[in-house]
């Protein structure tokens, strides 16, 4: 499970849990824009701005104009507990590039310790 703050788009997940999420793309006037064949969305987690990607996921198929980013339990388990930053970037088929985090280039991504069932 991933919790997303609707105002800031900051995310929080528990280490070892599935952290998948889905979204539609809207423009500045909140009008939905369509994904097109050949578009790619990159979801990238980094420890610091400008740092190497710790985790990167892509979405290239958009059924019903929805982008779904699939983050597996194994991938969240591999992340240390702590705070990260993430970005969502859309590379359009025509060469345009759009950062999808509104009003900020990066948003926070927190990984919390989970409780193990023994």
PDB file of N, CA and C in Angstrom:
ATOM      1  N   UNK A   1       0.835  -1.178   0.000  1.00  0.00           N
ATOM      2  CA  UNK A   1       0.000   0.000   0.000  1.00  0.00           C
ATOM      3  C   UNK A   1       0.882   1.243   0.000  1.00  0.00           C
ATOM      4  N   UNK A   2       0.434   2.223  -0.738  1.00  0.00           N
ATOM      5  CA  UNK A   2       1.112   3.514  -0.739  1.00  0.00           C
ATOM      6  C   UNK A   2       0.076   4.580  -0.382  1.00  0.00           C
ATOM      7  N   UNK A   3       0.467   5.498   0.494  1.00  0.00           N
ATOM      8  CA  UNK A   3      -0.397   6.613   0.876  1.00  0.00           C
ATOM      9  C   UNK A   3       0.133   7.851   0.165  1.00  0.00           C
ATOM     10  N   UNK A   4      -0.753   8.555  -0.531  1.00  0.00           N
ATOM     11  CA  UNK A   4      -0.350   9.737  -1.287  1.00  0.00           C
ATOM     12  C   UNK A   4      -1.081  10.955  -0.736  1.00  0.00           C
ATOM     13  N   UNK A   5      -0.316  11.971  -0.342  1.00  0.00           N
ATOM     14  CA  UNK A   5      -0.897  13.238   0.097  1.00  0.00           C
ATOM     15  C   UNK A   5      -1.397  13.974  -1.146  1.00  0.00           C
ATOM     16  N   UNK A   6      -2.685  14.210  -1.234  1.00  0.00           N
ATOM     17  CA  UNK A   6      -3.270  14.800  -2.445  1.00  0.00           C
ATOM     18  C   UNK A   6      -2.829  16.237  -2.686  1.00  0.00           C
ATOM     19  N   UNK A   7      -2.407  16.953  -1.647  1.00  0.00           N
ATOM     20  CA  UNK A   7      -1.963  18.333  -1.824  1.00  0.00           C
ATOM     21  C   UNK A   7      -0.517  18.414  -2.301  1.00  0.00           C
ATOM     22  N   UNK A   8       0.361  17.629  -1.689  1.00  0.00           N
ATOM     23  CA  UNK A   8       1.790  17.710  -1.996  1.00  0.00           C
ATOM     24  C   UNK A   8       2.271  16.603  -2.924  1.00  0.00           C
ATOM     25  N   UNK A   9       1.490  15.542  -3.057  1.00  0.00           N
ATOM     26  CA  UNK A   9       1.854  14.316  -3.776  1.00  0.00           C
ATOM     27  C   UNK A   9       2.993  13.561  -3.109  1.00  0.00           C
ATOM     28  N   UNK A  10       3.321  13.918  -1.854  1.00  0.00           N
ATOM     29  CA  UNK A  10       4.285  13.118  -1.104  1.00  0.00           C
ATOM     30  C   UNK A  10       3.699  11.726  -0.913  1.00  0.00           C
ATOM     31  N   UNK A  11       4.566  10.715  -0.922  1.00  0.00           N
ATOM     32  CA  UNK A  11       4.140   9.327  -0.787  1.00  0.00           C
ATOM     33  C   UNK A  11       4.773   8.686   0.435  1.00  0.00           C
ATOM     34  N   UNK A  12       4.070   7.706   0.991  1.00  0.00           N
ATOM     35  CA  UNK A  12       4.582   6.929   2.117  1.00  0.00           C
ATOM     36  C   UNK A  12       4.201   5.472   1.900  1.00  0.00           C
ATOM     37  N   UNK A  13       5.147   4.589   2.133  1.00  0.00           N
ATOM     38  CA  UNK A  13       4.871   3.162   2.017  1.00  0.00           C
ATOM     39  C   UNK A  13       5.567   2.420   3.146  1.00  0.00           C
ATOM     40  N   UNK A  14       5.180   1.185   3.331  1.00  0.00           N
ATOM     41  CA  UNK A  14       5.814   0.327   4.327  1.00  0.00           C
ATOM     42  C   UNK A  14       6.742  -0.628   3.603  1.00  0.00           C
ATOM     43  N   UNK A  15       7.934  -0.729   4.110  1.00  0.00           N
ATOM     44  CA  UNK A  15       8.953  -1.596   3.525  1.00  0.00           C
ATOM     45  C   UNK A  15       8.420  -3.023   3.426  1.00  0.00           C
ATOM     46  N   UNK A  16       8.553  -3.630   2.246  1.00  0.00           N
ATOM     47  CA  UNK A  16       8.098  -4.992   2.025  1.00  0.00           C
ATOM     48  C   UNK A  16       6.664  -5.090   1.528  1.00  0.00           C
ATOM     49  N   UNK A  17       5.976  -3.950   1.411  1.00  0.00           N
ATOM     50  CA  UNK A  17       4.607  -3.940   0.897  1.00  0.00           C
ATOM     51  C   UNK A  17       4.589  -3.579  -0.583  1.00  0.00           C
ATOM     52  N   UNK A  18       3.524  -3.947  -1.259  1.00  0.00           N
ATOM     53  CA  UNK A  18       3.285  -3.468  -2.611  1.00  0.00           C
ATOM     54  C   UNK A  18       3.013  -1.972  -2.531  1.00  0.00           C
ATOM     55  N   UNK A  19       3.586  -1.209  -3.438  1.00  0.00           N
ATOM     56  CA  UNK A  19       3.410   0.249  -3.410  1.00  0.00           C
ATOM     57  C   UNK A  19       3.004   0.760  -4.786  1.00  0.00           C
ATOM     58  N   UNK A  20       2.068   0.081  -5.421  1.00  0.00           N
ATOM     59  CA  UNK A  20       1.625   0.473  -6.752  1.00  0.00           C
ATOM     60  C   UNK A  20       0.582   1.581  -6.675  1.00  0.00           C
ATOM     61  N   UNK A  21       0.535   2.400  -7.724  1.00  0.00           N
ATOM     62  CA  UNK A  21      -0.451   3.474  -7.792  1.00  0.00           C
ATOM     63  C   UNK A  21      -0.787   3.754  -9.253  1.00  0.00           C
ATOM     64  N   UNK A  22      -1.931   4.382  -9.469  1.00  0.00           N
ATOM     65  CA  UNK A  22      -2.389   4.693 -10.821  1.00  0.00           C
ATOM     66  C   UNK A  22      -2.889   6.132 -10.868  1.00  0.00           C
ATOM     67  N   UNK A  23      -2.798   6.747 -12.041  1.00  0.00           N
ATOM     68  CA  UNK A  23      -3.260   8.125 -12.188  1.00  0.00           C
ATOM     69  C   UNK A  23      -3.593   8.432 -13.642  1.00  0.00           C
ATOM     70  N   UNK A  24      -4.385   9.485 -13.814  1.00  0.00           N
ATOM     71  CA  UNK A  24      -4.636  10.070 -15.123  1.00  0.00           C
ATOM     72  C   UNK A  24      -3.872  11.378 -15.187  1.00  0.00           C
ATOM     73  N   UNK A  25      -3.576  11.821 -16.368  1.00  0.00           N
ATOM     74  CA  UNK A  25      -2.787  13.029 -16.567  1.00  0.00           C
ATOM     75  C   UNK A  25      -3.720  14.210 -16.833  1.00  0.00           C
ATOM     76  N   UNK A  26      -3.507  15.325 -16.114  1.00  0.00           N
ATOM     77  CA  UNK A  26      -4.281  16.542 -16.348  1.00  0.00           C
ATOM     78  C   UNK A  26      -3.333  17.713 -16.592  1.00  0.00           C
ATOM     79  N   UNK A  27      -3.854  18.737 -17.269  1.00  0.00           N
ATOM     80  CA  UNK A  27      -3.037  19.921 -17.513  1.00  0.00           C
ATOM     81  C   UNK A  27      -3.258  20.952 -16.406  1.00  0.00           C
ATOM     82  N   UNK A  28      -2.709  22.150 -16.577  1.00  0.00           N
ATOM     83  CA  UNK A  28      -2.772  23.179 -15.524  1.00  0.00           C
ATOM     84  C   UNK A  28      -4.194  23.621 -15.199  1.00  0.00           C
ATOM     85  N   UNK A  29      -5.113  23.466 -16.139  1.00  0.00           N
ATOM     86  CA  UNK A  29      -6.507  23.849 -15.883  1.00  0.00           C
ATOM     87  C   UNK A  29      -7.328  22.652 -15.419  1.00  0.00           C
ATOM     88  N   UNK A  30      -6.642  21.578 -15.043  1.00  0.00           N
ATOM     89  CA  UNK A  30      -7.258  20.356 -14.527  1.00  0.00           C
ATOM     90  C   UNK A  30      -8.075  19.607 -15.581  1.00  0.00           C
ATOM     91  N   UNK A  31      -7.782  19.875 -16.850  1.00  0.00           N
ATOM     92  CA  UNK A  31      -8.427  19.151 -17.940  1.00  0.00           C
ATOM     93  C   UNK A  31      -7.586  17.916 -18.258  1.00  0.00           C
ATOM     94  N   UNK A  32      -8.254  16.771 -18.388  1.00  0.00           N
ATOM     95  CA  UNK A  32      -7.522  15.533 -18.659  1.00  0.00           C
ATOM     96  C   UNK A  32      -6.866  15.600 -20.029  1.00  0.00           C
ATOM     97  N   UNK A  33      -5.603  15.217 -20.072  1.00  0.00           N
ATOM     98  CA  UNK A  33      -4.899  15.073 -21.341  1.00  0.00           C
ATOM     99  C   UNK A  33      -4.673  13.592 -21.573  1.00  0.00           C
ATOM    100  N   UNK A  34      -4.649  13.201 -22.804  1.00  0.00           N
ATOM    101  CA  UNK A  34      -4.576  11.786 -23.140  1.00  0.00           C
ATOM    102  C   UNK A  34      -3.131  11.332 -23.319  1.00  0.00           C
ATOM    103  N   UNK A  35      -2.855  10.139 -22.825  1.00  0.00           N
ATOM    104  CA  UNK A  35      -1.598   9.487 -23.157  1.00  0.00           C
ATOM    105  C   UNK A  35      -1.717   8.979 -24.588  1.00  0.00           C
ATOM    106  N   UNK A  36      -0.585   8.881 -25.280  1.00  0.00           N
ATOM    107  CA  UNK A  36      -0.593   8.426 -26.669  1.00  0.00           C
ATOM    108  C   UNK A  36       0.346   7.244 -26.832  1.00  0.00           C
ATOM    109  N   UNK A  37       0.114   6.457 -27.881  1.00  0.00           N
ATOM    110  CA  UNK A  37       1.036   5.371 -28.204  1.00  0.00           C
ATOM    111  C   UNK A  37       2.435   5.953 -28.363  1.00  0.00           C
ATOM    112  N   UNK A  38       3.413   5.309 -27.763  1.00  0.00           N
ATOM    113  CA  UNK A  38       4.790   5.782 -27.827  1.00  0.00           C
ATOM    114  C   UNK A  38       5.198   6.631 -26.639  1.00  0.00           C
ATOM    115  N   UNK A  39       4.234   7.059 -25.801  1.00  0.00           N
ATOM    116  CA  UNK A  39       4.560   7.805 -24.585  1.00  0.00           C
ATOM    117  C   UNK A  39       5.148   6.858 -23.539  1.00  0.00           C
ATOM    118  N   UNK A  40       6.022   7.389 -22.690  1.00  0.00           N
ATOM    119  CA  UNK A  40       6.591   6.618 -21.578  1.00  0.00           C
ATOM    120  C   UNK A  40       6.618   7.496 -20.334  1.00  0.00           C
ATOM    121  N   UNK A  41       6.118   6.948 -19.223  1.00  0.00           N
ATOM    122  CA  UNK A  41       6.193   7.631 -17.929  1.00  0.00           C
ATOM    123  C   UNK A  41       7.265   6.932 -17.104  1.00  0.00           C
ATOM    124  N   UNK A  42       8.180   7.724 -16.538  1.00  0.00           N
ATOM    125  CA  UNK A  42       9.228   7.214 -15.657  1.00  0.00           C
ATOM    126  C   UNK A  42       8.940   7.666 -14.229  1.00  0.00           C
ATOM    127  N   UNK A  43       8.925   6.720 -13.304  1.00  0.00           N
ATOM    128  CA  UNK A  43       8.822   6.985 -11.869  1.00  0.00           C
ATOM    129  C   UNK A  43      10.191   6.650 -11.299  1.00  0.00           C
ATOM    130  N   UNK A  44      10.889   7.657 -10.765  1.00  0.00           N
ATOM    131  CA  UNK A  44      12.261   7.465 -10.310  1.00  0.00           C
ATOM    132  C   UNK A  44      12.394   7.906  -8.859  1.00  0.00           C
ATOM    133  N   UNK A  45      12.974   7.035  -8.032  1.00  0.00           N
ATOM    134  CA  UNK A  45      13.256   7.342  -6.632  1.00  0.00           C
ATOM    135  C   UNK A  45      14.756   7.547  -6.484  1.00  0.00           C
ATOM    136  N   UNK A  46      15.132   8.631  -5.787  1.00  0.00           N
ATOM    137  CA  UNK A  46      16.539   8.956  -5.525  1.00  0.00           C
ATOM    138  C   UNK A  46      16.685   9.327  -4.050  1.00  0.00           C
ATOM    139  N   UNK A  47      17.890   9.193  -3.542  1.00  0.00           N
ATOM    140  CA  UNK A  47      18.156   9.621  -2.161  1.00  0.00           C
ATOM    141  C   UNK A  47      18.279  11.142  -2.087  1.00  0.00           C
ATOM    142  N   UNK A  48      18.920  11.737  -3.091  1.00  0.00           N
ATOM    143  CA  UNK A  48      19.102  13.190  -3.123  1.00  0.00           C
ATOM    144  C   UNK A  48      18.849  13.695  -4.542  1.00  0.00           C
ATOM    145  N   UNK A  49      18.516  14.977  -4.651  1.00  0.00           N
ATOM    146  CA  UNK A  49      18.326  15.584  -5.968  1.00  0.00           C
ATOM    147  C   UNK A  49      19.622  15.458  -6.758  1.00  0.00           C
ATOM    148  N   UNK A  50      19.507  14.975  -7.966  1.00  0.00           N
ATOM    149  CA  UNK A  50      20.674  14.802  -8.820  1.00  0.00           C
ATOM    150  C   UNK A  50      21.416  13.501  -8.581  1.00  0.00           C
ATOM    151  N   UNK A  51      21.003  12.733  -7.571  1.00  0.00           N
ATOM    152  CA  UNK A  51      21.659  11.463  -7.278  1.00  0.00           C
ATOM    153  C   UNK A  51      21.230  10.369  -8.241  1.00  0.00           C
ATOM    154  N   UNK A  52      21.896   9.243  -8.124  1.00  0.00           N
ATOM    155  CA  UNK A  52      21.563   8.099  -8.964  1.00  0.00           C
ATOM    156  C   UNK A  52      20.189   7.553  -8.603  1.00  0.00           C
ATOM    157  N   UNK A  53      19.533   6.969  -9.583  1.00  0.00           N
ATOM    158  CA  UNK A  53      18.238   6.331  -9.347  1.00  0.00           C
ATOM    159  C   UNK A  53      18.433   5.112  -8.456  1.00  0.00           C
ATOM    160  N   UNK A  54      17.645   5.037  -7.391  1.00  0.00           N
ATOM    161  CA  UNK A  54      17.647   3.864  -6.520  1.00  0.00           C
ATOM    162  C   UNK A  54      16.634   2.855  -7.037  1.00  0.00           C
ATOM    163  N   UNK A  55      15.547   3.382  -7.589  1.00  0.00           N
ATOM    164  CA  UNK A  55      14.503   2.546  -8.181  1.00  0.00           C
ATOM    165  C   UNK A  55      13.885   3.339  -9.318  1.00  0.00           C
ATOM    166  N   UNK A  56      13.728   2.693 -10.467  1.00  0.00           N
ATOM    167  CA  UNK A  56      13.048   3.347 -11.581  1.00  0.00           C
ATOM    168  C   UNK A  56      12.076   2.370 -12.217  1.00  0.00           C
ATOM    169  N   UNK A  57      10.858   2.840 -12.414  1.00  0.00           N
ATOM    170  CA  UNK A  57       9.805   2.038 -13.030  1.00  0.00           C
ATOM    171  C   UNK A  57       9.282   2.806 -14.241  1.00  0.00           C
ATOM    172  N   UNK A  58       8.814   2.072 -15.248  1.00  0.00           N
ATOM    173  CA  UNK A  58       8.254   2.721 -16.425  1.00  0.00           C
ATOM    174  C   UNK A  58       6.840   2.223 -16.684  1.00  0.00           C
ATOM    175  N   UNK A  59       6.092   3.062 -17.354  1.00  0.00           N
ATOM    176  CA  UNK A  59       4.744   2.716 -17.803  1.00  0.00           C
ATOM    177  C   UNK A  59       4.659   3.107 -19.273  1.00  0.00           C
ATOM    178  N   UNK A  60       4.312   2.157 -20.132  1.00  0.00           N
ATOM    179  CA  UNK A  60       4.206   2.423 -21.568  1.00  0.00           C
ATOM    180  C   UNK A  60       2.840   2.059 -22.135  1.00  0.00           C
ATOM    181  N   UNK A  61       1.991   1.485 -21.306  1.00  0.00           N
ATOM    182  CA  UNK A  61       0.634   1.141 -21.729  1.00  0.00           C
ATOM    183  C   UNK A  61      -0.348   1.868 -20.825  1.00  0.00           C
ATOM    184  N   UNK A  62      -1.409   2.419 -21.425  1.00  0.00           N
ATOM    185  CA  UNK A  62      -2.322   3.296 -20.698  1.00  0.00           C
ATOM    186  C   UNK A  62      -3.777   2.898 -20.951  1.00  0.00           C
ATOM    187  N   UNK A  63      -4.196   1.736 -20.449  1.00  0.00           N
ATOM    188  CA  UNK A  63      -5.590   1.336 -20.654  1.00  0.00           C
ATOM    189  C   UNK A  63      -6.541   2.348 -20.006  1.00  0.00           C
ATOM    190  N   UNK A  64      -7.551   2.756 -20.753  1.00  0.00           N
ATOM    191  CA  UNK A  64      -8.519   3.765 -20.281  1.00  0.00           C
ATOM    192  C   UNK A  64      -7.842   5.070 -19.873  1.00  0.00           C
ATOM    193  N   UNK A  65      -6.700   5.370 -20.498  1.00  0.00           N
ATOM    194  CA  UNK A  65      -5.921   6.582 -20.218  1.00  0.00           C
ATOM    195  C   UNK A  65      -5.425   6.664 -18.784  1.00  0.00           C
ATOM    196  N   UNK A  66      -5.134   5.504 -18.200  1.00  0.00           N
ATOM    197  CA  UNK A  66      -4.617   5.431 -16.835  1.00  0.00           C
ATOM    198  C   UNK A  66      -3.193   4.886 -16.882  1.00  0.00           C
ATOM    199  N   UNK A  67      -2.284   5.553 -16.177  1.00  0.00           N
ATOM    200  CA  UNK A  67      -0.911   5.074 -16.013  1.00  0.00           C
ATOM    201  C   UNK A  67      -0.828   4.368 -14.665  1.00  0.00           C
ATOM    202  N   UNK A  68      -0.388   3.121 -14.677  1.00  0.00           N
ATOM    203  CA  UNK A  68      -0.220   2.362 -13.437  1.00  0.00           C
ATOM    204  C   UNK A  68       1.258   2.065 -13.239  1.00  0.00           C
ATOM    205  N   UNK A  69       1.783   2.494 -12.105  1.00  0.00           N
ATOM    206  CA  UNK A  69       3.166   2.212 -11.727  1.00  0.00           C
ATOM    207  C   UNK A  69       3.122   1.052 -10.745  1.00  0.00           C
ATOM    208  N   UNK A  70       3.766  -0.044 -11.102  1.00  0.00           N
ATOM    209  CA  UNK A  70       3.764  -1.262 -10.285  1.00  0.00           C
ATOM    210  C   UNK A  70       5.078  -1.356  -9.511  1.00  0.00           C
ATOM    211  N   UNK A  71       5.012  -1.249  -8.188  1.00  0.00           N
ATOM    212  CA  UNK A  71       6.187  -1.414  -7.326  1.00  0.00           C
ATOM    213  C   UNK A  71       5.931  -2.643  -6.460  1.00  0.00           C
ATOM    214  N   UNK A  72       6.791  -3.638  -6.591  1.00  0.00           N
ATOM    215  CA  UNK A  72       6.575  -4.932  -5.938  1.00  0.00           C
ATOM    216  C   UNK A  72       7.041  -4.922  -4.481  1.00  0.00           C
ATOM    217  N   UNK A  73       6.567  -5.891  -3.687  1.00  0.00           N
ATOM    218  CA  UNK A  73       7.054  -6.011  -2.305  1.00  0.00           C
ATOM    219  C   UNK A  73       8.572  -6.205  -2.241  1.00  0.00           C
ATOM    220  N   UNK A  74       9.120  -6.934  -3.197  1.00  0.00           N
ATOM    221  CA  UNK A  74      10.574  -7.154  -3.215  1.00  0.00           C
ATOM    222  C   UNK A  74      11.318  -5.840  -3.443  1.00  0.00           C
ATOM    223  N   UNK A  75      10.759  -4.974  -4.274  1.00  0.00           N
ATOM    224  CA  UNK A  75      11.409  -3.687  -4.547  1.00  0.00           C
ATOM    225  C   UNK A  75      11.348  -2.756  -3.340  1.00  0.00           C
ATOM    226  N   UNK A  76      10.220  -2.726  -2.626  1.00  0.00           N
ATOM    227  CA  UNK A  76      10.170  -1.871  -1.431  1.00  0.00           C
ATOM    228  C   UNK A  76      11.005  -2.469  -0.299  1.00  0.00           C
ATOM    229  N   UNK A  77      11.101  -3.788  -0.245  1.00  0.00           N
ATOM    230  CA  UNK A  77      11.935  -4.439   0.777  1.00  0.00           C
ATOM    231  C   UNK A  77      13.405  -4.084   0.581  1.00  0.00           C
ATOM    232  N   UNK A  78      13.812  -3.881  -0.673  1.00  0.00           N
ATOM    233  CA  UNK A  78      15.210  -3.557  -0.974  1.00  0.00           C
ATOM    234  C   UNK A  78      15.568  -2.112  -0.611  1.00  0.00           C
ATOM    235  N   UNK A  79      14.570  -1.274  -0.326  1.00  0.00           N
ATOM    236  CA  UNK A  79      14.830   0.113   0.069  1.00  0.00           C
ATOM    237  C   UNK A  79      15.066   0.193   1.571  1.00  0.00           C
ATOM    238  N   UNK A  80      16.062   0.951   1.976  1.00  0.00           N
ATOM    239  CA  UNK A  80      16.266   1.207   3.399  1.00  0.00           C
ATOM    240  C   UNK A  80      15.143   2.109   3.901  1.00  0.00           C
ATOM    241  N   UNK A  81      14.816   1.967   5.180  1.00  0.00           N
ATOM    242  CA  UNK A  81      13.853   2.886   5.784  1.00  0.00           C
ATOM    243  C   UNK A  81      14.427   4.291   5.699  1.00  0.00           C
ATOM    244  N   UNK A  82      13.563   5.269   5.475  1.00  0.00           N
ATOM    245  CA  UNK A  82      14.033   6.643   5.427  1.00  0.00           C
ATOM    246  C   UNK A  82      13.290   7.464   4.399  1.00  0.00           C
ATOM    247  N   UNK A  83      13.834   8.640   4.137  1.00  0.00           N
ATOM    248  CA  UNK A  83      13.205   9.584   3.219  1.00  0.00           C
ATOM    249  C   UNK A  83      13.977   9.663   1.913  1.00  0.00           C
ATOM    250  N   UNK A  84      13.226   9.705   0.846  1.00  0.00           N
ATOM    251  CA  UNK A  84      13.758   9.789  -0.504  1.00  0.00           C
ATOM    252  C   UNK A  84      13.008  10.902  -1.225  1.00  0.00           C
ATOM    253  N   UNK A  85      13.383  11.142  -2.468  1.00  0.00           N
ATOM    254  CA  UNK A  85      12.603  12.007  -3.336  1.00  0.00           C
ATOM    255  C   UNK A  85      12.229  11.194  -4.567  1.00  0.00           C
ATOM    256  N   UNK A  86      11.159  11.611  -5.214  1.00  0.00           N
ATOM    257  CA  UNK A  86      10.789  10.934  -6.455  1.00  0.00           C
ATOM    258  C   UNK A  86      10.325  11.964  -7.467  1.00  0.00           C
ATOM    259  N   UNK A  87      10.369  11.559  -8.725  1.00  0.00           N
ATOM    260  CA  UNK A  87       9.751  12.361  -9.766  1.00  0.00           C
ATOM    261  C   UNK A  87       8.991  11.449 -10.715  1.00  0.00           C
ATOM    262  N   UNK A  88       8.029  12.041 -11.375  1.00  0.00           N
ATOM    263  CA  UNK A  88       7.252  11.387 -12.429  1.00  0.00           C
ATOM    264  C   UNK A  88       7.456  12.224 -13.679  1.00  0.00           C
ATOM    265  N   UNK A  89       8.027  11.631 -14.713  1.00  0.00           N
ATOM    266  CA  UNK A  89       8.311  12.381 -15.928  1.00  0.00           C
ATOM    267  C   UNK A  89       7.695  11.651 -17.114  1.00  0.00           C
ATOM    268  N   UNK A  90       6.965  12.398 -17.922  1.00  0.00           N
ATOM    269  CA  UNK A  90       6.327  11.872 -19.123  1.00  0.00           C
ATOM    270  C   UNK A  90       7.156  12.269 -20.331  1.00  0.00           C
ATOM    271  N   UNK A  91       7.644  11.278 -21.058  1.00  0.00           N
ATOM    272  CA  UNK A  91       8.328  11.494 -22.325  1.00  0.00           C
ATOM    273  C   UNK A  91       7.319  11.185 -23.423  1.00  0.00           C
ATOM    274  N   UNK A  92       6.888  12.229 -24.130  1.00  0.00           N
ATOM    275  CA  UNK A  92       5.905  12.074 -25.196  1.00  0.00           C
ATOM    276  C   UNK A  92       6.556  11.497 -26.448  1.00  0.00           C
ATOM    277  N   UNK A  93       5.753  10.825 -27.212  1.00  0.00           N
ATOM    278  CA  UNK A  93       6.204  10.210 -28.462  1.00  0.00           C
ATOM    279  C   UNK A  93       6.783  11.263 -29.405  1.00  0.00           C
ATOM    280  N   UNK A  94       6.282  12.502 -29.326  1.00  0.00           N
ATOM    281  CA  UNK A  94       6.744  13.568 -30.224  1.00  0.00           C
ATOM    282  C   UNK A  94       8.015  14.263 -29.736  1.00  0.00           C
ATOM    283  N   UNK A  95       8.583  13.810 -28.593  1.00  0.00           N
ATOM    284  CA  UNK A  95       9.814  14.392 -28.070  1.00  0.00           C
ATOM    285  C   UNK A  95       9.613  15.354 -26.908  1.00  0.00           C
ATOM    286  N   UNK A  96       8.373  15.778 -26.646  1.00  0.00           N
ATOM    287  CA  UNK A  96       8.112  16.649 -25.497  1.00  0.00           C
ATOM    288  C   UNK A  96       8.376  15.900 -24.196  1.00  0.00           C
ATOM    289  N   UNK A  97       8.829  16.623 -23.173  1.00  0.00           N
ATOM    290  CA  UNK A  97       9.083  16.051 -21.850  1.00  0.00           C
ATOM    291  C   UNK A  97       8.327  16.893 -20.827  1.00  0.00           C
ATOM    292  N   UNK A  98       7.528  16.240 -19.985  1.00  0.00           N
ATOM    293  CA  UNK A  98       6.739  16.925 -18.964  1.00  0.00           C
ATOM    294  C   UNK A  98       6.968  16.282 -17.606  1.00  0.00           C
ATOM    295  N   UNK A  99       7.349  17.102 -16.604  1.00  0.00           N
ATOM    296  CA  UNK A  99       7.409  16.628 -15.230  1.00  0.00           C
ATOM    297  C   UNK A  99       5.991  16.684 -14.676  1.00  0.00           C
ATOM    298  N   UNK A 100       5.507  15.562 -14.133  1.00  0.00           N
ATOM    299  CA  UNK A 100       4.111  15.449 -13.737  1.00  0.00           C
ATOM    300  C   UNK A 100       3.846  15.803 -12.281  1.00  0.00           C
ATOM    301  N   UNK A 101       4.876  16.082 -11.494  1.00  0.00           N
ATOM    302  CA  UNK A 101       4.671  16.536 -10.114  1.00  0.00           C
ATOM    303  C   UNK A 101       4.352  18.029 -10.199  1.00  0.00           C
ATOM    304  N   UNK A 102       3.106  18.441  -9.968  1.00  0.00           N
ATOM    305  CA  UNK A 102       2.761  19.846 -10.185  1.00  0.00           C
ATOM    306  C   UNK A 102       3.474  20.780  -9.214  1.00  0.00           C
ATOM    307  N   UNK A 103       3.972  21.873  -9.742  1.00  0.00           N
ATOM    308  CA  UNK A 103       4.592  22.960  -8.973  1.00  0.00           C
ATOM    309  C   UNK A 103       5.876  22.572  -8.252  1.00  0.00           C
ATOM    310  N   UNK A 104       6.406  21.400  -8.521  1.00  0.00           N
ATOM    311  CA  UNK A 104       7.675  21.013  -7.905  1.00  0.00           C
ATOM    312  C   UNK A 104       8.312  19.931  -8.759  1.00  0.00           C
ATOM    313  N   UNK A 105       9.614  19.969  -8.809  1.00  0.00           N
ATOM    314  CA  UNK A 105      10.325  18.998  -9.637  1.00  0.00           C
ATOM    315  C   UNK A 105      10.381  17.635  -8.956  1.00  0.00           C
ATOM    316  N   UNK A 106      10.399  17.622  -7.632  1.00  0.00           N
ATOM    317  CA  UNK A 106      10.481  16.367  -6.884  1.00  0.00           C
ATOM    318  C   UNK A 106       9.471  16.385  -5.744  1.00  0.00           C
ATOM    319  N   UNK A 107       9.016  15.213  -5.354  1.00  0.00           N
ATOM    320  CA  UNK A 107       8.167  15.060  -4.176  1.00  0.00           C
ATOM    321  C   UNK A 107       8.830  14.067  -3.234  1.00  0.00           C
ATOM    322  N   UNK A 108       8.417  14.060  -1.981  1.00  0.00           N
ATOM    323  CA  UNK A 108       9.008  13.170  -0.978  1.00  0.00           C
ATOM    324  C   UNK A 108       8.425  11.769  -1.061  1.00  0.00           C
ATOM    325  N   UNK A 109       9.273  10.788  -0.791  1.00  0.00           N
ATOM    326  CA  UNK A 109       8.870   9.381  -0.771  1.00  0.00           C
ATOM    327  C   UNK A 109       9.459   8.781   0.496  1.00  0.00           C
ATOM    328  N   UNK A 110       8.616   8.394   1.442  1.00  0.00           N
ATOM    329  CA  UNK A 110       9.076   7.858   2.725  1.00  0.00           C
ATOM    330  C   UNK A 110       8.840   6.358   2.789  1.00  0.00           C
ATOM    331  N   UNK A 111       9.834   5.643   3.274  1.00  0.00           N
ATOM    332  CA  UNK A 111       9.723   4.198   3.490  1.00  0.00           C
ATOM    333  C   UNK A 111       9.757   3.964   4.989  1.00  0.00           C
ATOM    334  N   UNK A 112       8.706   3.345   5.501  1.00  0.00           N
ATOM    335  CA  UNK A 112       8.572   3.088   6.934  1.00  0.00           C
ATOM    336  C   UNK A 112       8.831   1.616   7.228  1.00  0.00           C
ATOM    337  N   UNK A 113       9.187   1.352   8.471  1.00  0.00           N
ATOM    338  CA  UNK A 113       9.415  -0.019   8.920  1.00  0.00           C
ATOM    339  C   UNK A 113       8.075  -0.725   9.066  1.00  0.00           C
ATOM    340  N   UNK A 114       7.999  -1.941   8.579  1.00  0.00           N
ATOM    341  CA  UNK A 114       6.791  -2.740   8.725  1.00  0.00           C
ATOM    342  C   UNK A 114       6.873  -3.648   9.934  1.00  0.00           C
ATOM    343  N   UNK A 115       5.755  -4.250  10.282  1.00  0.00           N
ATOM    344  CA  UNK A 115       5.694  -5.208  11.383  1.00  0.00           C
ATOM    345  C   UNK A 115       5.680  -6.598  10.777  1.00  0.00           C
ATOM    346  N   UNK A 116       6.624  -7.436  11.182  1.00  0.00           N
ATOM    347  CA  UNK A 116       6.699  -8.797  10.654  1.00  0.00           C
ATOM    348  C   UNK A 116       5.820  -9.727  11.471  1.00  0.00           C
ATOM    349  N   UNK A 117       5.094 -10.562  10.768  1.00  0.00           N
ATOM    350  CA  UNK A 117       4.328 -11.618  11.435  1.00  0.00           C
ATOM    351  C   UNK A 117       5.241 -12.821  11.612  1.00  0.00           C
ATOM    352  N   UNK A 118       5.384 -13.301  12.796  1.00  0.00           N
ATOM    353  CA  UNK A 118       6.292 -14.431  13.063  1.00  0.00           C
ATOM    354  C   UNK A 118       5.490 -15.673  13.328  1.00  0.00           C
TER     355      UNK A 118
END
